Amino acid sequence: MNFERNNNIWLFAVVLTICFLFSAGVRYQQFESWKKTPTAYFVGDRPMMTTLDAPYWLRWAREYNEGTYGQNSWLGIFLALRDYPVSTDTFQKMTRKVLSIPLKYTDPNPIYSSSSISSPSEIPEIRYRDVPLLSYLIAHLAPFFNYNYYLTGTLLIPILASLFILPLGIYFFRIGVPVSGLLGGLIGTFAAGYYMRS
């Protein structure tokens, strides 16, 4: 029985990996078809972005690599409000009574603004937790694509969009219906709305 269960796990892992690679490959083929008509999909060597938030993620990735992340005044406001209401003085005073952690053991909330940095030598250290995960991934993969952040973000889409299959397949395998997980993952990843969006 244990031998059969181990074989089932390995067989399922192989089939799940094949489904993931198939999904990523089909999405990557869409990028290859873009290359055939570059005037429709590229501006110079940069793929065109179809969402309004894409330039923000890419700029934050570039600023992270340059070491200037968080020095923009607008970004400083965004980072300060990201922890709202926890970062407010009123909330801190209310919770100080409830929490028994001494203040010397708590981390201060970083507030980045252009006025808090008086000289370039006083630039605060950029922690990976302060950078959005998507920007962090793009920043670390950009060197492999000659620091072309647009291309890096575009080529990351097939992988990240196909990751949906893995947790769904594993979950359904754990509850005893692995075929439902595999088919659900494939149907979900190729659903028209999700496929066109990513």
C-alpha atoms as a PDB file:
ATOM      1  CA  MET A   1       0.000   0.000   0.000  1.00  0.00           C
ATOM      2  CA  ASN A   2       2.794   2.433   0.910  1.00  0.00           C
ATOM      3  CA  PHE A   3       4.691   1.533  -2.288  1.00  0.00           C
ATOM      4  CA  GLU A   4       1.564   2.224  -4.343  1.00  0.00           C
ATOM      5  CA  ARG A   5       0.995   5.559  -2.595  1.00  0.00           C
ATOM      6  CA  ASN A   6       4.598   6.653  -3.283  1.00  0.00           C
ATOM      7  CA  ASN A   7       4.210   5.738  -6.953  1.00  0.00           C
ATOM      8  CA  ASN A   8       0.960   7.697  -7.116  1.00  0.00           C
ATOM      9  CA  ILE A   9       2.662  10.758  -5.648  1.00  0.00           C
ATOM     10  CA  TRP A  10       5.494  10.617  -8.177  1.00  0.00           C
ATOM     11  CA  LEU A  11       3.152   9.996 -11.081  1.00  0.00           C
ATOM     12  CA  PHE A  12       0.943  12.885 -10.004  1.00  0.00           C
ATOM     13  CA  ALA A  13       3.969  15.179  -9.563  1.00  0.00           C
ATOM     14  CA  VAL A  14       5.150  14.372 -13.098  1.00  0.00           C
ATOM     15  CA  VAL A  15       1.695  14.934 -14.620  1.00  0.00           C
ATOM     16  CA  LEU A  16       1.251  18.160 -12.633  1.00  0.00           C
ATOM     17  CA  THR A  17       4.640  19.419 -13.824  1.00  0.00           C
ATOM     18  CA  ILE A  18       3.720  18.574 -17.424  1.00  0.00           C
ATOM     19  CA  CYS A  19       0.452  20.522 -17.058  1.00  0.00           C
ATOM     20  CA  PHE A  20       2.344  23.501 -15.625  1.00  0.00           C
ATOM     21  CA  LEU A  21       4.927  23.415 -18.426  1.00  0.00           C
ATOM     22  CA  PHE A  22       2.185  23.063 -21.055  1.00  0.00           C
ATOM     23  CA  SER A  23       0.374  26.122 -19.708  1.00  0.00           C
ATOM     24  CA  ALA A  24       3.570  28.175 -19.519  1.00  0.00           C
ATOM     25  CA  GLY A  25       4.590  27.034 -23.009  1.00  0.00           C
ATOM     26  CA  VAL A  26       1.269  28.019 -24.582  1.00  0.00           C
ATOM     27  CA  ARG A  27       1.483  31.451 -22.957  1.00  0.00           C
ATOM     28  CA  TYR A  28       5.085  31.862 -24.088  1.00  0.00           C
ATOM     29  CA  GLN A  29       4.051  31.042 -27.675  1.00  0.00           C
ATOM     30  CA  GLN A  30       1.850  34.123 -27.541  1.00  0.00           C
ATOM     31  CA  PHE A  31       4.989  36.190 -26.902  1.00  0.00           C
ATOM     32  CA  GLU A  32       6.730  34.458 -29.820  1.00  0.00           C
ATOM     33  CA  SER A  33       3.842  35.442 -32.100  1.00  0.00           C
ATOM     34  CA  TRP A  34       4.307  39.055 -30.968  1.00  0.00           C
ATOM     35  CA  LYS A  35       7.866  38.930 -32.280  1.00  0.00           C
ATOM     36  CA  LYS A  36       6.554  38.204 -35.794  1.00  0.00           C
ATOM     37  CA  THR A  37       4.825  41.606 -35.910  1.00  0.00           C
ATOM     38  CA  PRO A  38       6.958  43.808 -33.654  1.00  0.00           C
ATOM     39  CA  THR A  39       5.386  47.077 -34.821  1.00  0.00           C
ATOM     40  CA  ALA A  40       2.076  46.007 -33.296  1.00  0.00           C
ATOM     41  CA  TYR A  41       3.415  44.817 -29.938  1.00  0.00           C
ATOM     42  CA  PHE A  42       6.754  46.530 -29.286  1.00  0.00           C
ATOM     43  CA  VAL A  43       8.020  50.082 -28.935  1.00  0.00           C
ATOM     44  CA  GLY A  44      11.674  49.780 -29.832  1.00  0.00           C
ATOM     45  CA  ASP A  45      12.863  46.753 -27.875  1.00  0.00           C
ATOM     46  CA  ARG A  46      10.208  47.137 -25.169  1.00  0.00           C
ATOM     47  CA  PRO A  47       6.962  45.174 -25.178  1.00  0.00           C
ATOM     48  CA  MET A  48       3.921  47.400 -24.757  1.00  0.00           C
ATOM     49  CA  MET A  49       2.130  47.185 -21.424  1.00  0.00           C
ATOM     50  CA  THR A  50      -1.649  46.843 -21.445  1.00  0.00           C
ATOM     51  CA  THR A  51      -2.386  47.758 -17.823  1.00  0.00           C
ATOM     52  CA  LEU A  52      -2.119  51.087 -16.057  1.00  0.00           C
ATOM     53  CA  ASP A  53      -0.191  49.743 -13.066  1.00  0.00           C
ATOM     54  CA  ALA A  54       2.605  47.967 -14.984  1.00  0.00           C
ATOM     55  CA  PRO A  55       4.878  51.051 -15.153  1.00  0.00           C
ATOM     56  CA  TYR A  56       4.701  51.408 -11.353  1.00  0.00           C
ATOM     57  CA  TRP A  57       5.899  47.840 -10.711  1.00  0.00           C
ATOM     58  CA  LEU A  58       8.653  48.201 -13.298  1.00  0.00           C
ATOM     59  CA  ARG A  59       9.795  51.572 -11.973  1.00  0.00           C
ATOM     60  CA  TRP A  60       9.927  50.245  -8.417  1.00  0.00           C
ATOM     61  CA  ALA A  61      12.014  47.288  -9.644  1.00  0.00           C
ATOM     62  CA  ARG A  62      14.411  49.662 -11.404  1.00  0.00           C
ATOM     63  CA  GLU A  63      14.627  51.931  -8.340  1.00  0.00           C
ATOM     64  CA  TYR A  64      15.293  48.896  -6.144  1.00  0.00           C
ATOM     65  CA  ASN A  65      18.223  47.872  -8.361  1.00  0.00           C
ATOM     66  CA  GLU A  66      19.535  51.445  -8.458  1.00  0.00           C
ATOM     67  CA  GLY A  67      19.257  51.792  -4.678  1.00  0.00           C
ATOM     68  CA  THR A  68      16.878  54.756  -4.900  1.00  0.00           C
ATOM     69  CA  TYR A  69      13.666  52.945  -3.922  1.00  0.00           C
ATOM     70  CA  GLY A  70      11.592  54.989  -1.484  1.00  0.00           C
ATOM     71  CA  GLN A  71      13.219  58.363  -2.151  1.00  0.00           C
ATOM     72  CA  ASN A  72      10.437  59.633  -4.399  1.00  0.00           C
ATOM     73  CA  SER A  73       8.051  61.832  -2.392  1.00  0.00           C
ATOM     74  CA  TRP A  74       4.932  60.151  -3.824  1.00  0.00           C
ATOM     75  CA  LEU A  75       6.344  56.727  -3.063  1.00  0.00           C
ATOM     76  CA  GLY A  76       7.161  57.871   0.477  1.00  0.00           C
ATOM     77  CA  ILE A  77       3.516  58.769   1.024  1.00  0.00           C
ATOM     78  CA  PHE A  78       2.441  55.399  -0.408  1.00  0.00           C
ATOM     79  CA  LEU A  79       4.808  53.502   1.884  1.00  0.00           C
ATOM     80  CA  ALA A  80       3.752  55.523   4.914  1.00  0.00           C
ATOM     81  CA  LEU A  81       0.068  54.841   4.233  1.00  0.00           C
ATOM     82  CA  ARG A  82       0.618  51.175   3.402  1.00  0.00           C
ATOM     83  CA  ASP A  83       0.505  50.315   7.111  1.00  0.00           C
ATOM     84  CA  TYR A  84      -2.465  52.577   7.881  1.00  0.00           C
ATOM     85  CA  PRO A  85      -3.949  52.663  10.558  1.00  0.00           C
ATOM     86  CA  VAL A  86      -1.210  50.717  12.371  1.00  0.00           C
ATOM     87  CA  SER A  87       1.335  53.449  11.616  1.00  0.00           C
ATOM     88  CA  THR A  88      -0.712  56.277  13.171  1.00  0.00           C
ATOM     89  CA  ASP A  89       0.145  57.699  16.588  1.00  0.00           C
ATOM     90  CA  THR A  90      -3.425  57.216  17.826  1.00  0.00           C
ATOM     91  CA  PHE A  91      -3.380  53.517  16.998  1.00  0.00           C
ATOM     92  CA  GLN A  92       0.057  53.125  18.571  1.00  0.00           C
ATOM     93  CA  LYS A  93      -1.140  54.763  21.811  1.00  0.00           C
ATOM     94  CA  MET A  94      -4.246  52.566  21.946  1.00  0.00           C
ATOM     95  CA  THR A  95      -2.346  49.337  21.372  1.00  0.00           C
ATOM     96  CA  ARG A  96       0.550  50.215  23.648  1.00  0.00           C
ATOM     97  CA  LYS A  97      -1.705  49.568  26.616  1.00  0.00           C
ATOM     98  CA  VAL A  98      -2.756  46.181  25.249  1.00  0.00           C
ATOM     99  CA  LEU A  99       0.643  44.964  24.102  1.00  0.00           C
ATOM    100  CA  SER A 100       3.193  44.003  26.696  1.00  0.00           C
ATOM    101  CA  ILE A 101       6.192  44.071  24.336  1.00  0.00           C
ATOM    102  CA  PRO A 102       8.720  46.666  25.486  1.00  0.00           C
ATOM    103  CA  LEU A 103       9.223  49.402  22.897  1.00  0.00           C
ATOM    104  CA  LYS A 104      12.964  48.763  22.658  1.00  0.00           C
ATOM    105  CA  TYR A 105      12.172  45.349  21.104  1.00  0.00           C
ATOM    106  CA  THR A 106       9.751  46.617  18.453  1.00  0.00           C
ATOM    107  CA  ASP A 107      10.792  47.694  14.979  1.00  0.00           C
ATOM    108  CA  PRO A 108      10.142  51.307  14.062  1.00  0.00           C
ATOM    109  CA  ASN A 109       7.830  51.904  11.104  1.00  0.00           C
ATOM    110  CA  PRO A 110       9.933  53.218   8.216  1.00  0.00           C
ATOM    111  CA  ILE A 111       8.621  56.451   6.758  1.00  0.00           C
ATOM    112  CA  TYR A 112      10.403  57.449   3.607  1.00  0.00           C
ATOM    113  CA  SER A 113      10.158  60.953   2.315  1.00  0.00           C
ATOM    114  CA  SER A 114      12.433  63.306   0.477  1.00  0.00           C
ATOM    115  CA  SER A 115      12.543  65.623   3.502  1.00  0.00           C
ATOM    116  CA  SER A 116      13.790  62.875   5.830  1.00  0.00           C
ATOM    117  CA  ILE A 117      16.886  62.318   3.705  1.00  0.00           C
ATOM    118  CA  SER A 118      19.235  65.239   4.143  1.00  0.00           C
ATOM    119  CA  SER A 119      22.180  63.943   2.136  1.00  0.00           C
ATOM    120  CA  PRO A 120      22.892  61.074  -0.244  1.00  0.00           C
ATOM    121  CA  SER A 121      25.067  59.387   2.380  1.00  0.00           C
ATOM    122  CA  GLU A 122      22.068  59.036   4.711  1.00  0.00           C
ATOM    123  CA  ILE A 123      19.968  56.879   2.364  1.00  0.00           C
ATOM    124  CA  PRO A 124      18.111  54.256   4.417  1.00  0.00           C
ATOM    125  CA  GLU A 125      18.779  50.612   3.701  1.00  0.00           C
ATOM    126  CA  ILE A 126      16.187  49.116   1.376  1.00  0.00           C
ATOM    127  CA  ARG A 127      14.667  46.006   2.900  1.00  0.00           C
ATOM    128  CA  TYR A 128      13.181  43.385   0.610  1.00  0.00           C
ATOM    129  CA  ARG A 129       9.942  43.476   2.635  1.00  0.00           C
ATOM    130  CA  ASP A 130       9.434  47.129   1.726  1.00  0.00           C
ATOM    131  CA  VAL A 131       9.439  46.391  -2.006  1.00  0.00           C
ATOM    132  CA  PRO A 132       6.332  44.834  -3.604  1.00  0.00           C
ATOM    133  CA  LEU A 133       6.960  41.167  -4.401  1.00  0.00           C
ATOM    134  CA  LEU A 134       6.377  41.570  -8.134  1.00  0.00           C
ATOM    135  CA  SER A 135       8.889  44.422  -8.320  1.00  0.00           C
ATOM    136  CA  TYR A 136      11.336  42.404  -6.232  1.00  0.00           C
ATOM    137  CA  LEU A 137      11.093  39.429  -8.609  1.00  0.00           C
ATOM    138  CA  ILE A 138      11.500  41.636 -11.675  1.00  0.00           C
ATOM    139  CA  ALA A 139      14.474  43.434 -10.106  1.00  0.00           C
ATOM    140  CA  HIS A 140      16.294  40.164  -9.456  1.00  0.00           C
ATOM    141  CA  LEU A 141      15.524  38.675 -12.876  1.00  0.00           C
ATOM    142  CA  ALA A 142      16.281  41.841 -14.893  1.00  0.00           C
ATOM    143  CA  PRO A 143      20.074  41.217 -15.044  1.00  0.00           C
ATOM    144  CA  PHE A 144      19.386  38.052 -17.068  1.00  0.00           C
ATOM    145  CA  PHE A 145      17.618  40.200 -19.695  1.00  0.00           C
ATOM    146  CA  ASN A 146      20.216  42.997 -19.885  1.00  0.00           C
ATOM    147  CA  TYR A 147      18.209  45.129 -17.414  1.00  0.00           C
ATOM    148  CA  ASN A 148      15.254  45.384 -19.792  1.00  0.00           C
ATOM    149  CA  TYR A 149      12.534  45.606 -17.132  1.00  0.00           C
ATOM    150  CA  TYR A 150       9.695  45.563 -19.651  1.00  0.00           C
ATOM    151  CA  LEU A 151      10.929  42.349 -21.248  1.00  0.00           C
ATOM    152  CA  THR A 152      11.548  40.783 -17.833  1.00  0.00           C
ATOM    153  CA  GLY A 153       8.013  41.579 -16.688  1.00  0.00           C
ATOM    154  CA  THR A 154       6.524  40.271 -19.915  1.00  0.00           C
ATOM    155  CA  LEU A 155       8.440  36.990 -19.775  1.00  0.00           C
ATOM    156  CA  LEU A 156       7.506  36.504 -16.123  1.00  0.00           C
ATOM    157  CA  ILE A 157       3.803  36.416 -17.032  1.00  0.00           C
ATOM    158  CA  PRO A 158       3.711  32.852 -18.471  1.00  0.00           C
ATOM    159  CA  ILE A 159       5.334  31.432 -15.343  1.00  0.00           C
ATOM    160  CA  LEU A 160       3.334  33.372 -12.769  1.00  0.00           C
ATOM    161  CA  ALA A 161       0.015  32.871 -14.592  1.00  0.00           C
ATOM    162  CA  SER A 162       0.625  29.122 -14.816  1.00  0.00           C
ATOM    163  CA  LEU A 163       1.478  28.762 -11.121  1.00  0.00           C
ATOM    164  CA  PHE A 164      -2.267  28.609 -10.461  1.00  0.00           C
ATOM    165  CA  ILE A 165      -2.207  24.945 -11.500  1.00  0.00           C
ATOM    166  CA  LEU A 166       0.214  23.821  -8.774  1.00  0.00           C
ATOM    167  CA  PRO A 167      -1.658  24.624  -5.529  1.00  0.00           C
ATOM    168  CA  LEU A 168      -5.005  23.637  -7.027  1.00  0.00           C
ATOM    169  CA  GLY A 169      -3.647  20.289  -8.204  1.00  0.00           C
ATOM    170  CA  ILE A 170      -1.930  19.580  -4.881  1.00  0.00           C
ATOM    171  CA  TYR A 171      -5.051  20.485  -2.915  1.00  0.00           C
ATOM    172  CA  PHE A 172      -7.279  18.158  -4.925  1.00  0.00           C
ATOM    173  CA  PHE A 173      -4.672  15.390  -4.751  1.00  0.00           C
ATOM    174  CA  ARG A 174      -4.657  15.702  -0.968  1.00  0.00           C
ATOM    175  CA  ILE A 175      -8.438  15.367  -0.742  1.00  0.00           C
ATOM    176  CA  GLY A 176      -8.413  12.335  -3.039  1.00  0.00           C
ATOM    177  CA  VAL A 177      -9.551  13.616  -6.446  1.00  0.00           C
ATOM    178  CA  PRO A 178      -6.340  14.412  -8.352  1.00  0.00           C
ATOM    179  CA  VAL A 179      -7.918  14.381 -11.818  1.00  0.00           C
ATOM    180  CA  SER A 180     -10.316  17.134 -10.762  1.00  0.00           C
ATOM    181  CA  GLY A 181      -7.384  19.245  -9.633  1.00  0.00           C
ATOM    182  CA  LEU A 182      -5.486  18.750 -12.884  1.00  0.00           C
ATOM    183  CA  LEU A 183      -8.494  19.422 -15.097  1.00  0.00           C
ATOM    184  CA  GLY A 184      -9.613  22.344 -12.946  1.00  0.00           C
ATOM    185  CA  GLY A 185      -6.149  23.863 -13.168  1.00  0.00           C
ATOM    186  CA  LEU A 186      -5.992  23.464 -16.942  1.00  0.00           C
ATOM    187  CA  ILE A 187      -9.522  24.764 -17.472  1.00  0.00           C
ATOM    188  CA  GLY A 188      -8.852  27.669 -15.118  1.00  0.00           C
ATOM    189  CA  THR A 189      -5.552  28.644 -16.699  1.00  0.00           C
ATOM    190  CA  PHE A 190      -7.033  28.566 -20.213  1.00  0.00           C
ATOM    191  CA  ALA A 191     -10.339  30.241 -19.319  1.00  0.00           C
ATOM    192  CA  ALA A 192     -10.925  33.063 -21.781  1.00  0.00           C
ATOM    193  CA  GLY A 193     -10.968  35.907 -19.253  1.00  0.00           C
ATOM    194  CA  TYR A 194      -7.857  34.758 -17.395  1.00  0.00           C
ATOM    195  CA  TYR A 195      -5.963  33.801 -20.554  1.00  0.00           C
ATOM    196  CA  MET A 196      -6.590  37.141 -22.292  1.00  0.00           C
ATOM    197  CA  ARG A 197      -5.742  39.104 -19.151  1.00  0.00           C
ATOM    198  CA  SER A 198      -2.412  37.385 -18.677  1.00  0.00           C
END
